[in-house]
N, C-alpha and C. Protein backbone atom coordinates (compact mmCIF):
# COMPACT_ATOMS: atom_id res chain seq x y z
N UNK A 1 164.32 158.61 -28.68
CA UNK A 1 165.53 158.85 -29.49
C UNK A 1 165.12 159.40 -30.85
N UNK A 2 165.77 160.47 -31.29
CA UNK A 2 165.49 161.07 -32.58
C UNK A 2 166.37 160.41 -33.63
N UNK A 3 165.73 159.61 -34.53
CA UNK A 3 166.50 158.88 -35.52
C UNK A 3 167.06 159.78 -36.61
N UNK A 4 166.69 161.07 -36.59
CA UNK A 4 167.28 162.00 -37.56
C UNK A 4 168.65 162.50 -37.09
N UNK A 5 169.03 162.15 -35.89
CA UNK A 5 170.37 162.48 -35.42
C UNK A 5 171.41 161.71 -36.23
N UNK A 6 172.63 162.23 -36.35
CA UNK A 6 173.69 161.46 -37.00
C UNK A 6 173.91 160.13 -36.29
N UNK A 7 174.33 159.14 -37.07
CA UNK A 7 174.51 157.80 -36.51
C UNK A 7 175.48 157.79 -35.34
N UNK A 8 176.54 158.62 -35.42
CA UNK A 8 177.52 158.61 -34.33
C UNK A 8 176.92 159.15 -33.04
N UNK A 9 175.97 160.11 -33.15
CA UNK A 9 175.34 160.64 -31.95
C UNK A 9 174.35 159.64 -31.37
N UNK A 10 173.62 158.95 -32.25
CA UNK A 10 172.71 157.90 -31.77
C UNK A 10 173.50 156.83 -31.04
N UNK A 11 174.63 156.41 -31.64
CA UNK A 11 175.47 155.39 -31.01
C UNK A 11 175.97 155.87 -29.65
N UNK A 12 176.40 157.12 -29.58
CA UNK A 12 176.91 157.65 -28.32
C UNK A 12 175.82 157.66 -27.25
N UNK A 13 174.64 158.14 -27.59
CA UNK A 13 173.59 158.26 -26.58
C UNK A 13 173.11 156.89 -26.11
N UNK A 14 173.02 155.93 -27.02
CA UNK A 14 172.60 154.58 -26.61
C UNK A 14 173.66 153.92 -25.74
N UNK A 15 174.92 154.04 -26.15
CA UNK A 15 175.99 153.42 -25.37
C UNK A 15 176.17 154.13 -24.04
N UNK A 16 176.03 155.43 -24.04
CA UNK A 16 176.10 156.19 -22.78
C UNK A 16 175.04 155.70 -21.80
N UNK A 17 173.81 155.48 -22.29
CA UNK A 17 172.75 155.01 -21.41
C UNK A 17 173.03 153.60 -20.91
N UNK A 18 173.62 152.76 -21.74
CA UNK A 18 174.00 151.41 -21.30
C UNK A 18 174.99 151.48 -20.15
N UNK A 19 175.93 152.41 -20.24
CA UNK A 19 176.90 152.60 -19.16
C UNK A 19 176.21 153.20 -17.93
N UNK A 20 175.46 154.26 -18.15
CA UNK A 20 174.88 155.03 -17.05
C UNK A 20 173.94 154.20 -16.20
N UNK A 21 173.15 153.34 -16.84
CA UNK A 21 172.12 152.60 -16.12
C UNK A 21 172.51 151.15 -15.84
N UNK A 22 173.80 150.85 -15.96
CA UNK A 22 174.30 149.58 -15.47
C UNK A 22 174.10 148.40 -16.38
N UNK A 23 173.74 148.61 -17.65
CA UNK A 23 173.63 147.47 -18.58
C UNK A 23 175.00 146.83 -18.81
N UNK A 24 176.06 147.61 -18.65
CA UNK A 24 177.42 147.09 -18.72
C UNK A 24 177.98 147.11 -17.30
N UNK A 25 178.18 145.94 -16.73
CA UNK A 25 178.63 145.86 -15.34
C UNK A 25 180.09 146.30 -15.23
N UNK A 26 180.44 147.05 -14.19
CA UNK A 26 181.84 147.44 -14.01
C UNK A 26 182.77 146.23 -14.00
N UNK A 27 183.81 146.31 -14.83
CA UNK A 27 184.80 145.25 -14.90
C UNK A 27 184.51 144.16 -15.90
N UNK A 28 183.28 144.07 -16.41
CA UNK A 28 182.92 143.02 -17.37
C UNK A 28 183.32 143.46 -18.78
N UNK A 29 184.21 142.70 -19.41
CA UNK A 29 184.70 143.06 -20.74
C UNK A 29 183.66 142.71 -21.80
N UNK A 30 183.50 143.60 -22.77
CA UNK A 30 182.65 143.34 -23.93
C UNK A 30 183.45 143.68 -25.18
N UNK A 31 183.19 142.96 -26.26
CA UNK A 31 183.90 143.23 -27.50
C UNK A 31 183.25 144.38 -28.24
N UNK A 32 184.04 145.06 -29.03
CA UNK A 32 183.49 146.13 -29.85
C UNK A 32 182.48 145.56 -30.84
N UNK A 33 182.78 144.39 -31.40
CA UNK A 33 181.84 143.76 -32.33
C UNK A 33 180.52 143.43 -31.62
N UNK A 34 180.62 143.01 -30.36
CA UNK A 34 179.40 142.72 -29.61
C UNK A 34 178.55 143.96 -29.39
N UNK A 35 179.20 145.09 -29.14
CA UNK A 35 178.46 146.34 -28.97
C UNK A 35 177.82 146.78 -30.28
N UNK A 36 178.52 146.56 -31.38
CA UNK A 36 177.94 146.88 -32.69
C UNK A 36 176.64 146.10 -32.88
N UNK A 37 176.67 144.82 -32.52
CA UNK A 37 175.47 144.00 -32.65
C UNK A 37 174.36 144.44 -31.71
N UNK A 38 174.70 144.78 -30.47
CA UNK A 38 173.70 145.21 -29.51
C UNK A 38 173.04 146.52 -29.92
N UNK A 39 173.84 147.43 -30.44
CA UNK A 39 173.32 148.75 -30.80
C UNK A 39 172.65 148.76 -32.16
N UNK A 40 172.95 147.76 -32.99
CA UNK A 40 172.35 147.70 -34.32
C UNK A 40 172.81 148.82 -35.23
N UNK A 41 174.05 149.26 -35.03
CA UNK A 41 174.61 150.35 -35.83
C UNK A 41 175.93 149.90 -36.43
N UNK A 42 176.49 150.71 -37.30
CA UNK A 42 177.72 150.35 -37.98
C UNK A 42 178.94 150.46 -37.07
N UNK A 43 180.03 149.85 -37.52
CA UNK A 43 181.26 149.84 -36.74
C UNK A 43 181.80 151.25 -36.52
N UNK A 44 181.76 152.10 -37.55
CA UNK A 44 182.37 153.43 -37.44
C UNK A 44 181.69 154.30 -36.37
N UNK A 45 180.35 154.44 -36.38
CA UNK A 45 179.75 155.26 -35.32
C UNK A 45 179.92 154.67 -33.93
N UNK A 46 179.93 153.35 -33.82
CA UNK A 46 180.10 152.73 -32.51
C UNK A 46 181.52 152.97 -31.99
N UNK A 47 182.51 152.85 -32.87
CA UNK A 47 183.88 153.11 -32.45
C UNK A 47 184.05 154.57 -32.02
N UNK A 48 183.40 155.49 -32.72
CA UNK A 48 183.49 156.90 -32.33
C UNK A 48 182.84 157.13 -30.97
N UNK A 49 181.70 156.47 -30.74
CA UNK A 49 181.04 156.58 -29.44
C UNK A 49 181.93 156.03 -28.33
N UNK A 50 182.58 154.92 -28.60
CA UNK A 50 183.49 154.33 -27.62
C UNK A 50 184.63 155.28 -27.31
N UNK A 51 185.19 155.91 -28.34
CA UNK A 51 186.29 156.85 -28.12
C UNK A 51 185.85 158.01 -27.23
N UNK A 52 184.65 158.53 -27.47
CA UNK A 52 184.14 159.63 -26.65
C UNK A 52 183.98 159.20 -25.19
N UNK A 53 183.45 158.02 -24.98
CA UNK A 53 183.22 157.56 -23.62
C UNK A 53 184.52 157.20 -22.91
N UNK A 54 185.51 156.74 -23.65
CA UNK A 54 186.84 156.53 -23.06
C UNK A 54 187.42 157.87 -22.61
N UNK A 55 187.29 158.89 -23.46
CA UNK A 55 187.81 160.22 -23.12
C UNK A 55 187.11 160.79 -21.88
N UNK A 56 185.84 160.43 -21.68
CA UNK A 56 185.08 160.91 -20.53
C UNK A 56 185.32 160.07 -19.28
N UNK A 57 186.13 159.01 -19.40
CA UNK A 57 186.40 158.16 -18.26
C UNK A 57 185.33 157.14 -17.96
N UNK A 58 184.35 157.00 -18.87
CA UNK A 58 183.24 156.08 -18.64
C UNK A 58 183.53 154.67 -19.14
N UNK A 59 184.49 154.52 -20.05
CA UNK A 59 184.91 153.22 -20.55
C UNK A 59 186.42 153.13 -20.48
N UNK A 60 186.91 151.90 -20.42
CA UNK A 60 188.35 151.62 -20.38
C UNK A 60 188.67 150.66 -21.51
N UNK A 61 189.68 150.99 -22.31
CA UNK A 61 190.06 150.15 -23.44
C UNK A 61 190.95 149.01 -22.97
N UNK A 62 190.57 147.79 -23.33
CA UNK A 62 191.36 146.60 -23.03
C UNK A 62 191.99 146.10 -24.32
N UNK A 63 192.75 145.02 -24.24
CA UNK A 63 193.30 144.41 -25.44
C UNK A 63 192.25 143.60 -26.20
N UNK A 64 192.63 143.13 -27.38
CA UNK A 64 191.77 142.26 -28.18
C UNK A 64 190.42 142.89 -28.51
N UNK A 65 190.43 144.21 -28.79
CA UNK A 65 189.22 144.92 -29.24
C UNK A 65 188.08 144.78 -28.23
N UNK A 66 188.42 144.93 -26.96
CA UNK A 66 187.43 144.86 -25.89
C UNK A 66 187.48 146.15 -25.07
N UNK A 67 186.35 146.45 -24.44
CA UNK A 67 186.26 147.58 -23.52
C UNK A 67 185.51 147.13 -22.27
N UNK A 68 185.63 147.92 -21.22
CA UNK A 68 184.84 147.65 -20.02
C UNK A 68 184.57 148.96 -19.30
N UNK A 69 183.56 148.94 -18.44
CA UNK A 69 183.32 150.04 -17.52
C UNK A 69 184.31 149.90 -16.37
N UNK A 70 185.09 150.94 -16.07
CA UNK A 70 186.07 150.81 -14.98
C UNK A 70 185.40 150.55 -13.63
N UNK A 71 186.04 149.71 -12.84
CA UNK A 71 185.60 149.55 -11.45
C UNK A 71 186.14 150.72 -10.63
N UNK A 72 185.33 151.20 -9.72
CA UNK A 72 185.78 152.26 -8.82
C UNK A 72 186.65 151.70 -7.71
N UNK A 73 187.60 152.50 -7.25
CA UNK A 73 188.26 152.21 -5.98
C UNK A 73 187.80 153.26 -4.97
N UNK A 74 188.23 153.10 -3.73
CA UNK A 74 187.72 153.98 -2.67
C UNK A 74 188.10 155.44 -2.91
N UNK A 75 189.32 155.66 -3.41
CA UNK A 75 189.74 157.03 -3.66
C UNK A 75 188.91 157.71 -4.73
N UNK A 76 188.65 156.99 -5.83
CA UNK A 76 187.83 157.55 -6.91
C UNK A 76 186.41 157.80 -6.43
N UNK A 77 185.88 156.89 -5.61
CA UNK A 77 184.53 157.07 -5.08
C UNK A 77 184.44 158.34 -4.25
N UNK A 78 185.40 158.55 -3.36
CA UNK A 78 185.37 159.74 -2.52
C UNK A 78 185.48 161.01 -3.36
N UNK A 79 186.33 160.99 -4.38
CA UNK A 79 186.48 162.15 -5.25
C UNK A 79 185.19 162.44 -6.02
N UNK A 80 184.56 161.38 -6.53
CA UNK A 80 183.31 161.56 -7.27
C UNK A 80 182.21 162.10 -6.36
N UNK A 81 182.14 161.58 -5.14
CA UNK A 81 181.14 162.08 -4.20
C UNK A 81 181.35 163.54 -3.88
N UNK A 82 182.60 163.92 -3.65
CA UNK A 82 182.93 165.32 -3.37
C UNK A 82 182.54 166.21 -4.55
N UNK A 83 182.91 165.78 -5.75
CA UNK A 83 182.63 166.59 -6.94
C UNK A 83 181.13 166.68 -7.20
N UNK A 84 180.42 165.55 -7.04
CA UNK A 84 178.98 165.58 -7.26
C UNK A 84 178.31 166.56 -6.30
N UNK A 85 178.69 166.51 -5.04
CA UNK A 85 178.06 167.41 -4.07
C UNK A 85 178.33 168.87 -4.43
N UNK A 86 179.56 169.18 -4.78
CA UNK A 86 179.90 170.57 -5.10
C UNK A 86 179.10 171.07 -6.29
N UNK A 87 179.00 170.24 -7.33
CA UNK A 87 178.33 170.67 -8.56
C UNK A 87 176.82 170.63 -8.41
N UNK A 88 176.30 169.55 -7.84
CA UNK A 88 174.85 169.36 -7.85
C UNK A 88 174.13 170.22 -6.82
N UNK A 89 174.77 170.49 -5.70
CA UNK A 89 174.15 171.42 -4.75
C UNK A 89 174.03 172.81 -5.37
N UNK A 90 175.06 173.22 -6.08
CA UNK A 90 175.00 174.52 -6.76
C UNK A 90 173.92 174.52 -7.84
N UNK A 91 173.82 173.43 -8.60
CA UNK A 91 172.76 173.33 -9.61
C UNK A 91 171.38 173.42 -8.97
N UNK A 92 171.19 172.72 -7.86
CA UNK A 92 169.89 172.75 -7.20
C UNK A 92 169.55 174.15 -6.70
N UNK A 93 170.54 174.85 -6.15
CA UNK A 93 170.31 176.21 -5.68
C UNK A 93 169.88 177.13 -6.82
N UNK A 94 170.57 177.01 -7.95
CA UNK A 94 170.22 177.84 -9.10
C UNK A 94 168.88 177.43 -9.68
N UNK A 95 168.59 176.12 -9.67
CA UNK A 95 167.33 175.63 -10.23
C UNK A 95 166.13 176.12 -9.45
N UNK A 96 166.29 176.27 -8.15
CA UNK A 96 165.16 176.66 -7.30
C UNK A 96 164.56 177.98 -7.74
N UNK A 97 165.36 178.85 -8.29
CA UNK A 97 164.88 180.16 -8.71
C UNK A 97 163.87 180.08 -9.84
N UNK A 98 163.95 179.03 -10.66
CA UNK A 98 163.07 178.90 -11.83
C UNK A 98 162.28 177.60 -11.82
N UNK A 99 162.20 176.95 -10.68
CA UNK A 99 161.46 175.69 -10.58
C UNK A 99 160.00 176.02 -10.25
N UNK A 100 159.17 176.13 -11.29
CA UNK A 100 157.78 176.54 -11.09
C UNK A 100 156.90 175.32 -10.78
N UNK A 101 155.60 175.56 -10.67
CA UNK A 101 154.69 174.49 -10.29
C UNK A 101 154.63 173.39 -11.35
N UNK A 102 154.82 173.76 -12.61
CA UNK A 102 154.82 172.74 -13.66
C UNK A 102 155.99 171.77 -13.48
N UNK A 103 157.16 172.32 -13.20
CA UNK A 103 158.33 171.47 -12.98
C UNK A 103 158.15 170.65 -11.70
N UNK A 104 157.61 171.28 -10.67
CA UNK A 104 157.37 170.55 -9.42
C UNK A 104 156.43 169.37 -9.68
N UNK A 105 155.43 169.58 -10.53
CA UNK A 105 154.54 168.48 -10.89
C UNK A 105 155.27 167.37 -11.62
N UNK A 106 156.17 167.73 -12.52
CA UNK A 106 156.98 166.72 -13.22
C UNK A 106 157.83 165.93 -12.23
N UNK A 107 158.44 166.63 -11.29
CA UNK A 107 159.29 165.97 -10.31
C UNK A 107 158.47 165.01 -9.44
N UNK A 108 157.28 165.43 -9.06
CA UNK A 108 156.42 164.54 -8.25
C UNK A 108 156.03 163.30 -9.05
N UNK A 109 155.74 163.48 -10.33
CA UNK A 109 155.37 162.33 -11.17
C UNK A 109 156.55 161.36 -11.30
N UNK A 110 157.74 161.92 -11.50
CA UNK A 110 158.94 161.06 -11.59
C UNK A 110 159.14 160.32 -10.28
N UNK A 111 158.99 161.02 -9.16
CA UNK A 111 159.20 160.39 -7.86
C UNK A 111 158.17 159.31 -7.60
N UNK A 112 156.94 159.51 -8.07
CA UNK A 112 155.91 158.48 -7.92
C UNK A 112 156.28 157.23 -8.72
N UNK A 113 156.79 157.43 -9.94
CA UNK A 113 157.23 156.28 -10.74
C UNK A 113 158.41 155.59 -10.07
N UNK A 114 159.30 156.38 -9.48
CA UNK A 114 160.44 155.81 -8.77
C UNK A 114 159.96 154.95 -7.60
N UNK A 115 158.97 155.44 -6.85
CA UNK A 115 158.44 154.67 -5.73
C UNK A 115 157.83 153.36 -6.20
N UNK A 116 157.15 153.39 -7.35
CA UNK A 116 156.56 152.15 -7.87
C UNK A 116 157.65 151.18 -8.30
N UNK A 117 158.73 151.71 -8.87
CA UNK A 117 159.86 150.85 -9.25
C UNK A 117 160.47 150.19 -8.02
N UNK A 118 160.61 150.96 -6.94
CA UNK A 118 161.13 150.40 -5.69
C UNK A 118 160.21 149.29 -5.18
N UNK A 119 158.90 149.56 -5.21
CA UNK A 119 157.94 148.59 -4.66
C UNK A 119 158.00 147.25 -5.39
N UNK A 120 158.26 147.30 -6.70
CA UNK A 120 158.31 146.03 -7.45
C UNK A 120 159.73 145.51 -7.63
N UNK A 121 160.72 146.20 -7.04
CA UNK A 121 162.10 145.75 -7.14
C UNK A 121 162.69 145.88 -8.52
N UNK A 122 162.23 146.87 -9.28
CA UNK A 122 162.68 147.07 -10.67
C UNK A 122 163.89 148.01 -10.66
N UNK A 123 165.08 147.42 -10.62
CA UNK A 123 166.29 148.23 -10.49
C UNK A 123 166.54 149.11 -11.72
N UNK A 124 166.43 148.59 -12.97
CA UNK A 124 166.65 149.48 -14.12
C UNK A 124 165.72 150.69 -14.12
N UNK A 125 164.43 150.48 -13.80
CA UNK A 125 163.49 151.60 -13.76
C UNK A 125 163.84 152.56 -12.63
N UNK A 126 164.23 152.01 -11.50
CA UNK A 126 164.64 152.85 -10.37
C UNK A 126 165.80 153.76 -10.76
N UNK A 127 166.81 153.19 -11.42
CA UNK A 127 167.98 153.99 -11.80
C UNK A 127 167.61 155.07 -12.80
N UNK A 128 166.76 154.74 -13.75
CA UNK A 128 166.36 155.74 -14.75
C UNK A 128 165.54 156.86 -14.13
N UNK A 129 164.61 156.52 -13.25
CA UNK A 129 163.78 157.55 -12.63
C UNK A 129 164.60 158.40 -11.65
N UNK A 130 165.54 157.78 -10.96
CA UNK A 130 166.42 158.53 -10.07
C UNK A 130 167.23 159.56 -10.85
N UNK A 131 167.79 159.14 -11.97
CA UNK A 131 168.52 160.06 -12.84
C UNK A 131 167.58 161.14 -13.36
N UNK A 132 166.39 160.75 -13.79
CA UNK A 132 165.44 161.71 -14.33
C UNK A 132 165.04 162.76 -13.32
N UNK A 133 164.88 162.37 -12.07
CA UNK A 133 164.52 163.32 -11.02
C UNK A 133 165.59 164.40 -10.89
N UNK A 134 166.83 163.98 -10.77
CA UNK A 134 167.91 164.94 -10.58
C UNK A 134 168.06 165.88 -11.78
N UNK A 135 168.05 165.32 -12.97
CA UNK A 135 168.37 166.15 -14.13
C UNK A 135 167.17 166.95 -14.62
N UNK A 136 165.95 166.56 -14.26
CA UNK A 136 164.80 167.44 -14.51
C UNK A 136 164.92 168.68 -13.63
N UNK A 137 165.33 168.48 -12.39
CA UNK A 137 165.56 169.63 -11.50
C UNK A 137 166.70 170.49 -12.01
N UNK A 138 167.83 169.87 -12.35
CA UNK A 138 169.01 170.64 -12.73
C UNK A 138 168.80 171.41 -14.03
N UNK A 139 167.93 170.91 -14.89
CA UNK A 139 167.67 171.61 -16.16
C UNK A 139 167.09 173.01 -15.92
N UNK A 140 166.46 173.21 -14.77
CA UNK A 140 165.90 174.53 -14.45
C UNK A 140 166.98 175.56 -14.13
N UNK A 141 168.19 175.09 -13.87
CA UNK A 141 169.25 176.00 -13.44
C UNK A 141 169.74 176.89 -14.57
N UNK A 142 169.58 176.43 -15.83
CA UNK A 142 170.11 177.20 -16.95
C UNK A 142 171.61 177.33 -16.90
N UNK A 143 172.27 176.31 -16.36
CA UNK A 143 173.73 176.33 -16.17
C UNK A 143 174.34 175.16 -16.95
N UNK A 144 174.55 175.37 -18.23
CA UNK A 144 174.97 174.27 -19.10
C UNK A 144 176.32 173.69 -18.70
N UNK A 145 177.24 174.52 -18.27
CA UNK A 145 178.56 174.01 -17.87
C UNK A 145 178.44 173.09 -16.67
N UNK A 146 177.70 173.53 -15.65
CA UNK A 146 177.53 172.71 -14.46
C UNK A 146 176.74 171.44 -14.77
N UNK A 147 175.72 171.56 -15.61
CA UNK A 147 174.92 170.38 -15.95
C UNK A 147 175.75 169.35 -16.70
N UNK A 148 176.62 169.82 -17.60
CA UNK A 148 177.51 168.90 -18.32
C UNK A 148 178.48 168.22 -17.36
N UNK A 149 178.98 168.97 -16.39
CA UNK A 149 179.86 168.37 -15.39
C UNK A 149 179.13 167.30 -14.59
N UNK A 150 177.90 167.61 -14.18
CA UNK A 150 177.12 166.63 -13.42
C UNK A 150 176.87 165.37 -14.24
N UNK A 151 176.54 165.54 -15.53
CA UNK A 151 176.29 164.39 -16.39
C UNK A 151 177.54 163.52 -16.51
N UNK A 152 178.70 164.15 -16.63
CA UNK A 152 179.95 163.41 -16.73
C UNK A 152 180.25 162.65 -15.44
N UNK A 153 179.97 163.26 -14.30
CA UNK A 153 180.20 162.59 -13.02
C UNK A 153 179.26 161.41 -12.83
N UNK A 154 178.02 161.55 -13.26
CA UNK A 154 177.06 160.45 -13.16
C UNK A 154 177.48 159.27 -14.03
N UNK A 155 178.10 159.54 -15.17
CA UNK A 155 178.56 158.45 -16.03
C UNK A 155 179.57 157.56 -15.30
N UNK A 156 180.35 158.14 -14.43
CA UNK A 156 181.37 157.38 -13.72
C UNK A 156 180.86 156.81 -12.40
N UNK A 157 179.78 157.36 -11.91
CA UNK A 157 179.21 156.96 -10.62
C UNK A 157 178.08 155.95 -10.79
N UNK A 158 177.24 156.17 -11.81
CA UNK A 158 176.01 155.40 -11.97
C UNK A 158 176.16 153.90 -12.10
N UNK A 159 177.13 153.40 -12.90
CA UNK A 159 177.23 151.95 -13.08
C UNK A 159 177.39 151.18 -11.78
N UNK A 160 178.07 151.76 -10.82
CA UNK A 160 178.28 151.07 -9.54
C UNK A 160 177.00 151.02 -8.71
N UNK A 161 176.09 151.96 -8.91
CA UNK A 161 174.81 151.91 -8.20
C UNK A 161 174.03 150.66 -8.58
N UNK A 162 174.11 150.27 -9.86
CA UNK A 162 173.40 149.06 -10.29
C UNK A 162 173.90 147.84 -9.53
N UNK A 163 175.20 147.76 -9.33
CA UNK A 163 175.78 146.61 -8.63
C UNK A 163 175.31 146.56 -7.19
N UNK A 164 175.38 147.69 -6.48
CA UNK A 164 175.00 147.67 -5.07
C UNK A 164 173.50 147.50 -4.89
N UNK A 165 172.70 147.98 -5.85
CA UNK A 165 171.25 147.80 -5.75
C UNK A 165 170.87 146.32 -5.85
N UNK A 166 171.67 145.55 -6.56
CA UNK A 166 171.38 144.12 -6.68
C UNK A 166 171.51 143.40 -5.35
N UNK A 167 172.33 143.96 -4.44
CA UNK A 167 172.57 143.29 -3.17
C UNK A 167 172.08 144.05 -1.96
N UNK A 168 171.32 145.13 -2.17
CA UNK A 168 170.87 145.95 -1.05
C UNK A 168 169.41 146.33 -1.24
N UNK A 169 168.68 146.57 -0.15
CA UNK A 169 167.29 147.00 -0.28
C UNK A 169 167.20 148.37 -0.92
N UNK A 170 166.19 148.55 -1.78
CA UNK A 170 166.01 149.85 -2.42
C UNK A 170 165.34 150.85 -1.47
N UNK A 171 164.65 150.35 -0.47
CA UNK A 171 163.95 151.25 0.46
C UNK A 171 164.94 151.83 1.46
N UNK A 172 165.20 153.11 1.34
CA UNK A 172 166.11 153.82 2.22
C UNK A 172 165.51 155.19 2.50
N UNK A 173 166.11 155.98 3.40
CA UNK A 173 165.58 157.33 3.64
C UNK A 173 165.33 158.09 2.34
N UNK A 174 164.14 158.68 2.22
CA UNK A 174 163.69 159.26 0.95
C UNK A 174 164.07 160.74 0.89
N UNK A 175 165.25 161.00 0.37
CA UNK A 175 165.71 162.38 0.26
C UNK A 175 165.02 163.14 -0.86
N UNK A 176 164.42 162.42 -1.81
CA UNK A 176 163.67 163.11 -2.86
C UNK A 176 162.43 163.78 -2.27
N UNK A 177 161.78 163.13 -1.31
CA UNK A 177 160.61 163.75 -0.67
C UNK A 177 161.04 165.02 0.07
N UNK A 178 162.19 164.97 0.70
CA UNK A 178 162.73 166.17 1.36
C UNK A 178 162.99 167.27 0.34
N UNK A 179 163.53 166.90 -0.81
CA UNK A 179 163.81 167.89 -1.86
C UNK A 179 162.51 168.50 -2.38
N UNK A 180 161.49 167.67 -2.59
CA UNK A 180 160.21 168.18 -3.08
C UNK A 180 159.60 169.16 -2.09
N UNK A 181 159.65 168.83 -0.81
CA UNK A 181 159.10 169.73 0.21
C UNK A 181 159.87 171.04 0.24
N UNK A 182 161.18 170.96 0.08
CA UNK A 182 162.00 172.18 0.08
C UNK A 182 161.70 173.05 -1.13
N UNK A 183 161.52 172.41 -2.29
CA UNK A 183 161.19 173.18 -3.50
C UNK A 183 159.85 173.88 -3.32
N UNK A 184 158.86 173.16 -2.81
CA UNK A 184 157.53 173.75 -2.62
C UNK A 184 157.59 174.93 -1.65
N UNK A 185 158.45 174.82 -0.63
CA UNK A 185 158.58 175.89 0.37
C UNK A 185 159.53 176.99 -0.08
N UNK A 186 160.23 176.78 -1.19
CA UNK A 186 161.23 177.76 -1.62
C UNK A 186 162.40 177.86 -0.67
N UNK A 187 162.73 176.75 -0.01
CA UNK A 187 163.76 176.72 1.02
C UNK A 187 165.06 176.19 0.43
N UNK A 188 165.96 177.10 0.07
CA UNK A 188 167.21 176.72 -0.58
C UNK A 188 168.11 175.89 0.31
N UNK A 189 168.18 176.23 1.60
CA UNK A 189 169.05 175.48 2.51
C UNK A 189 168.57 174.04 2.66
N UNK A 190 167.25 173.86 2.79
CA UNK A 190 166.71 172.51 2.93
C UNK A 190 166.90 171.70 1.65
N UNK A 191 166.79 172.36 0.50
CA UNK A 191 167.02 171.66 -0.77
C UNK A 191 168.47 171.23 -0.88
N UNK A 192 169.39 172.11 -0.51
CA UNK A 192 170.81 171.76 -0.54
C UNK A 192 171.09 170.57 0.37
N UNK A 193 170.49 170.58 1.56
CA UNK A 193 170.69 169.47 2.50
C UNK A 193 170.15 168.16 1.93
N UNK A 194 169.00 168.22 1.26
CA UNK A 194 168.40 167.01 0.70
C UNK A 194 169.25 166.43 -0.42
N UNK A 195 169.76 167.29 -1.29
CA UNK A 195 170.61 166.81 -2.39
C UNK A 195 171.91 166.26 -1.84
N UNK A 196 172.50 166.95 -0.86
CA UNK A 196 173.73 166.45 -0.24
C UNK A 196 173.52 165.08 0.40
N UNK A 197 172.40 164.94 1.11
CA UNK A 197 172.11 163.66 1.77
C UNK A 197 171.88 162.55 0.76
N UNK A 198 171.24 162.87 -0.35
CA UNK A 198 170.99 161.86 -1.38
C UNK A 198 172.30 161.37 -2.00
N UNK A 199 173.20 162.30 -2.27
CA UNK A 199 174.51 161.93 -2.82
C UNK A 199 175.29 161.11 -1.80
N UNK A 200 175.28 161.55 -0.54
CA UNK A 200 176.01 160.83 0.52
C UNK A 200 175.48 159.41 0.68
N UNK A 201 174.17 159.25 0.53
CA UNK A 201 173.57 157.92 0.64
C UNK A 201 174.08 157.00 -0.46
N UNK A 202 174.16 157.52 -1.70
CA UNK A 202 174.70 156.73 -2.80
C UNK A 202 176.15 156.36 -2.59
N UNK A 203 176.94 157.32 -2.11
CA UNK A 203 178.35 157.05 -1.83
C UNK A 203 178.48 155.98 -0.76
N UNK A 204 177.68 156.08 0.29
CA UNK A 204 177.75 155.10 1.38
C UNK A 204 177.39 153.71 0.89
N UNK A 205 176.40 153.61 0.01
CA UNK A 205 176.00 152.30 -0.52
C UNK A 205 177.13 151.69 -1.35
N UNK A 206 177.76 152.50 -2.19
CA UNK A 206 178.86 151.98 -3.01
C UNK A 206 180.06 151.63 -2.13
N UNK A 207 180.33 152.47 -1.13
CA UNK A 207 181.44 152.17 -0.21
C UNK A 207 181.22 150.82 0.47
N UNK A 208 179.98 150.56 0.89
CA UNK A 208 179.68 149.27 1.51
C UNK A 208 179.89 148.13 0.53
N UNK A 209 179.54 148.38 -0.75
CA UNK A 209 179.78 147.36 -1.77
C UNK A 209 181.25 147.10 -2.00
N UNK A 210 182.05 148.15 -1.97
CA UNK A 210 183.50 147.98 -2.09
C UNK A 210 184.06 147.19 -0.91
N UNK A 211 183.60 147.53 0.29
CA UNK A 211 184.06 146.82 1.48
C UNK A 211 183.68 145.34 1.43
N UNK A 212 182.53 145.05 0.81
CA UNK A 212 182.06 143.67 0.73
C UNK A 212 182.67 142.90 -0.44
N UNK A 213 183.47 143.60 -1.26
CA UNK A 213 184.11 142.93 -2.38
C UNK A 213 183.21 142.67 -3.56
N UNK A 214 182.11 143.45 -3.69
CA UNK A 214 181.17 143.22 -4.79
C UNK A 214 181.76 143.56 -6.15
N UNK A 215 182.79 144.40 -6.19
CA UNK A 215 183.29 144.91 -7.46
C UNK A 215 184.58 144.24 -7.92
N UNK A 216 185.21 143.45 -7.08
CA UNK A 216 186.51 142.89 -7.45
C UNK A 216 187.58 143.97 -7.43
N UNK A 217 188.71 143.68 -8.07
CA UNK A 217 189.83 144.63 -8.08
C UNK A 217 189.57 145.73 -9.09
N UNK A 218 189.86 147.01 -8.76
CA UNK A 218 189.66 148.10 -9.71
C UNK A 218 190.59 147.98 -10.89
N UNK A 219 190.13 148.51 -12.08
CA UNK A 219 190.99 148.57 -13.26
C UNK A 219 192.05 149.64 -13.04
């Protein structure tokens, strides 16, 4: 984190990461004052960060100066999965054109760290490395509009992954390995299939969590 950034941007990025990586559980209310204390920043920048995240659909304003991460329902999950696939498959296709050996090396290193996180059952590290893998690839696309859309969709999708990971094995079909092989081969169709399968796997895991009642009633 660059501490030379304005306080409101620092607050936004820290709070965004708390949402994205499941530090704030869907449906669990937190006070604005509590977030100020957690972030170690002033009330004004934290309130501005909260307003931005509410506008992005990542937070929901409750009464008594409290906020929460919205719980997904089945309809929202299906919409997010559809949107993620449309945006991220296109990003991956565009990224393949400029994904050189240096980037491929970065992706392999991220995937190795992800595998180690899985082996030790480290869910926070798993979520961060999973996000890092996707967005390191997407950064090669040079498509800022699509990348911003993908980031916004992950903000609404990611918190629920933390919940289902707590109750499900992390070892599942490894679509990242398929993506790496496709990138190395320059195979756009195989890369699209790998990204689609990875998104579908996440949707299926959250759907199973919804069916099992892990999330309670949606906001």
